[in-house]
N, C-alpha and C. Protein backbone atom coordinates (compact mmCIF):
# COMPACT_ATOMS: atom_id res chain seq x y z
N MET A 1 6.28 -18.32 -83.18
CA MET A 1 6.06 -19.76 -83.00
C MET A 1 6.28 -20.36 -84.41
N GLU A 2 7.04 -21.50 -84.43
CA GLU A 2 7.32 -22.25 -85.69
C GLU A 2 7.01 -23.73 -85.57
N TYR A 3 6.43 -24.28 -86.57
CA TYR A 3 6.17 -25.66 -86.57
C TYR A 3 7.03 -26.30 -87.69
N GLU A 4 8.15 -26.76 -87.28
CA GLU A 4 9.17 -27.24 -88.21
C GLU A 4 8.73 -28.27 -89.16
N TYR A 5 7.71 -29.10 -88.86
CA TYR A 5 7.30 -30.13 -89.74
C TYR A 5 6.29 -29.71 -90.77
N LEU A 6 5.91 -28.38 -90.76
CA LEU A 6 5.01 -27.79 -91.74
C LEU A 6 5.76 -26.72 -92.54
N THR A 7 5.55 -26.71 -93.82
CA THR A 7 6.06 -25.66 -94.67
C THR A 7 5.37 -24.44 -94.47
N ALA A 8 6.11 -23.30 -94.38
CA ALA A 8 5.56 -22.04 -94.21
C ALA A 8 4.46 -21.95 -93.09
N ALA A 9 4.92 -22.29 -92.00
CA ALA A 9 3.93 -22.37 -90.83
C ALA A 9 4.38 -21.44 -89.69
N GLY A 10 5.42 -20.60 -89.94
CA GLY A 10 5.78 -19.59 -88.88
C GLY A 10 4.77 -18.52 -88.69
N ARG A 11 4.71 -18.11 -87.46
CA ARG A 11 3.66 -17.08 -87.07
C ARG A 11 4.07 -16.34 -85.94
N TRP A 12 3.67 -15.03 -85.85
CA TRP A 12 3.96 -14.16 -84.74
C TRP A 12 2.74 -13.28 -84.45
N LEU A 13 2.70 -12.77 -83.14
CA LEU A 13 1.72 -11.84 -82.89
C LEU A 13 2.41 -10.68 -82.29
N GLU A 14 1.87 -9.45 -82.49
CA GLU A 14 2.48 -8.16 -81.94
C GLU A 14 1.31 -7.28 -81.42
N GLY A 15 1.50 -6.80 -80.27
CA GLY A 15 0.52 -5.78 -79.73
C GLY A 15 1.22 -4.85 -78.73
N GLU A 16 0.48 -3.85 -78.48
CA GLU A 16 1.01 -2.81 -77.56
C GLU A 16 0.66 -3.12 -76.13
N ILE A 17 1.70 -3.06 -75.29
CA ILE A 17 1.45 -3.26 -73.80
C ILE A 17 2.18 -2.28 -73.08
N ALA A 18 1.70 -1.87 -71.86
CA ALA A 18 2.29 -0.88 -71.00
C ALA A 18 3.72 -1.28 -70.61
N PRO A 19 4.63 -0.28 -70.47
CA PRO A 19 5.99 -0.69 -69.98
C PRO A 19 6.08 -1.46 -68.72
N HIS A 20 5.21 -1.08 -67.76
CA HIS A 20 5.18 -1.76 -66.49
C HIS A 20 4.81 -3.21 -66.65
N ALA A 21 3.88 -3.48 -67.63
CA ALA A 21 3.40 -4.94 -67.87
C ALA A 21 4.51 -5.66 -68.52
N ALA A 22 5.14 -5.02 -69.45
CA ALA A 22 6.24 -5.70 -70.18
C ALA A 22 7.42 -6.11 -69.24
N ALA A 23 7.68 -5.31 -68.31
CA ALA A 23 8.81 -5.63 -67.43
C ALA A 23 8.48 -6.84 -66.46
N ARG A 24 7.22 -7.14 -66.23
CA ARG A 24 6.86 -8.26 -65.45
C ARG A 24 6.41 -9.53 -66.19
N LEU A 25 6.17 -9.39 -67.45
CA LEU A 25 5.54 -10.40 -68.33
C LEU A 25 6.36 -11.61 -68.46
N LYS A 26 5.78 -12.77 -68.21
CA LYS A 26 6.30 -14.09 -68.41
C LYS A 26 5.78 -14.66 -69.71
N PRO A 27 6.52 -15.34 -70.52
CA PRO A 27 6.04 -15.91 -71.80
C PRO A 27 4.75 -16.66 -71.75
N ASN A 28 4.54 -17.39 -70.75
CA ASN A 28 3.30 -18.27 -70.65
C ASN A 28 2.10 -17.44 -70.31
N LYS A 29 2.29 -16.09 -70.00
CA LYS A 29 1.04 -15.35 -69.77
C LYS A 29 0.78 -14.27 -70.85
N ALA A 30 1.56 -14.35 -71.91
CA ALA A 30 1.42 -13.37 -73.02
C ALA A 30 0.12 -13.46 -73.84
N LEU A 31 -0.39 -14.69 -73.96
CA LEU A 31 -1.67 -14.84 -74.62
C LEU A 31 -2.83 -14.14 -73.85
N LYS A 32 -2.76 -14.22 -72.65
CA LYS A 32 -3.86 -13.51 -71.81
C LYS A 32 -3.88 -12.00 -72.16
N LEU A 33 -2.76 -11.36 -72.36
CA LEU A 33 -2.73 -10.02 -72.72
C LEU A 33 -3.43 -9.77 -74.06
N PHE A 34 -3.06 -10.62 -75.01
CA PHE A 34 -3.64 -10.48 -76.43
C PHE A 34 -5.20 -10.65 -76.43
N ARG A 35 -5.68 -11.52 -75.53
CA ARG A 35 -7.08 -11.71 -75.45
C ARG A 35 -7.85 -10.41 -74.98
N ASN A 36 -7.14 -9.65 -74.27
CA ASN A 36 -7.80 -8.32 -73.79
C ASN A 36 -7.56 -7.13 -74.66
N MET A 37 -6.72 -7.25 -75.68
CA MET A 37 -6.32 -6.12 -76.49
C MET A 37 -7.48 -5.82 -77.44
N PRO A 38 -7.76 -4.62 -77.81
CA PRO A 38 -8.73 -4.26 -78.75
C PRO A 38 -8.34 -4.76 -80.16
N SER A 39 -7.08 -4.74 -80.41
CA SER A 39 -6.51 -5.20 -81.66
C SER A 39 -5.04 -5.53 -81.60
N TYR A 40 -4.57 -6.33 -82.47
CA TYR A 40 -3.14 -6.74 -82.48
C TYR A 40 -2.78 -7.15 -83.87
N TYR A 41 -1.57 -7.24 -84.25
CA TYR A 41 -1.11 -7.67 -85.53
C TYR A 41 -0.62 -9.12 -85.55
N ARG A 42 -0.86 -9.84 -86.54
CA ARG A 42 -0.36 -11.23 -86.74
C ARG A 42 0.42 -11.24 -88.03
N GLY A 43 1.36 -12.16 -88.14
CA GLY A 43 2.00 -12.31 -89.42
C GLY A 43 3.00 -13.48 -89.38
N GLY A 44 3.70 -13.66 -90.49
CA GLY A 44 4.69 -14.75 -90.59
C GLY A 44 4.31 -15.50 -91.82
N SER A 45 5.12 -16.49 -92.11
CA SER A 45 4.95 -17.30 -93.30
C SER A 45 3.62 -18.00 -93.42
N ALA A 46 3.01 -18.42 -92.26
CA ALA A 46 1.76 -19.03 -92.33
C ALA A 46 0.63 -18.13 -92.94
N PHE A 47 0.88 -16.81 -92.87
CA PHE A 47 -0.05 -15.87 -93.46
C PHE A 47 0.51 -15.22 -94.74
N GLY A 48 1.38 -16.01 -95.49
CA GLY A 48 1.86 -15.47 -96.71
C GLY A 48 2.75 -14.30 -96.63
N GLY A 49 3.33 -14.13 -95.41
CA GLY A 49 4.30 -13.00 -95.20
C GLY A 49 3.63 -11.69 -94.97
N GLN A 50 2.28 -11.73 -94.89
CA GLN A 50 1.58 -10.51 -94.67
C GLN A 50 1.45 -10.10 -93.17
N VAL A 51 1.22 -8.79 -92.93
CA VAL A 51 0.98 -8.38 -91.55
C VAL A 51 -0.45 -8.10 -91.59
N ILE A 52 -1.23 -8.65 -90.60
CA ILE A 52 -2.73 -8.57 -90.64
C ILE A 52 -3.21 -8.01 -89.28
N LEU A 53 -4.02 -6.93 -89.40
CA LEU A 53 -4.59 -6.35 -88.18
C LEU A 53 -5.77 -7.30 -87.66
N SER A 54 -5.69 -7.78 -86.48
CA SER A 54 -6.55 -8.84 -85.95
C SER A 54 -7.24 -8.43 -84.72
N HIS A 55 -8.36 -8.99 -84.45
CA HIS A 55 -9.25 -8.73 -83.26
C HIS A 55 -9.64 -10.07 -82.61
N GLY A 56 -9.94 -10.05 -81.31
CA GLY A 56 -10.44 -11.27 -80.68
C GLY A 56 -9.34 -12.19 -80.21
N PRO A 57 -9.79 -13.33 -79.61
CA PRO A 57 -8.84 -14.29 -79.07
C PRO A 57 -7.74 -14.79 -80.07
N PRO A 58 -6.51 -14.81 -79.67
CA PRO A 58 -5.45 -15.15 -80.66
C PRO A 58 -5.24 -16.71 -80.83
N GLU A 59 -5.86 -17.44 -80.01
CA GLU A 59 -5.56 -18.87 -79.93
C GLU A 59 -5.85 -19.53 -81.37
N SER A 60 -6.87 -19.12 -82.06
CA SER A 60 -7.19 -19.71 -83.35
C SER A 60 -6.03 -19.59 -84.32
N TRP A 61 -5.26 -18.52 -84.21
CA TRP A 61 -4.20 -18.28 -85.19
C TRP A 61 -2.98 -19.08 -84.84
N LEU A 62 -2.91 -19.68 -83.72
CA LEU A 62 -1.80 -20.47 -83.26
C LEU A 62 -1.85 -21.94 -83.56
N VAL A 63 -3.03 -22.43 -83.98
CA VAL A 63 -3.21 -23.87 -84.31
C VAL A 63 -2.35 -24.13 -85.60
N PRO A 64 -1.62 -25.28 -85.49
CA PRO A 64 -0.69 -25.62 -86.65
C PRO A 64 -1.42 -25.73 -87.99
N PHE A 65 -1.05 -24.99 -88.97
CA PHE A 65 -1.62 -25.18 -90.33
C PHE A 65 -0.49 -24.65 -91.23
N PRO A 66 -0.30 -25.35 -92.42
CA PRO A 66 0.64 -24.84 -93.40
C PRO A 66 0.17 -23.60 -94.05
N GLY A 67 1.11 -22.68 -94.31
CA GLY A 67 0.76 -21.42 -94.99
C GLY A 67 0.77 -21.60 -96.50
N LYS A 68 0.64 -20.52 -97.20
CA LYS A 68 0.57 -20.54 -98.64
C LYS A 68 1.80 -20.04 -99.19
């Protein structure tokens, strides 16, 4: 996800899902899967280019804010 009006605000989430779930997954349903994962990774320019192991609901990481 990128917020073009903010500098260094790009972000992404990555987590492991089963192949059968990936085959049926629609983009608008992806956040629901992250909510149920024990952990996932987040990264991008909004986080200083770091890859960070994360837990819990992902919605707070998707709120627009400029990175460092």
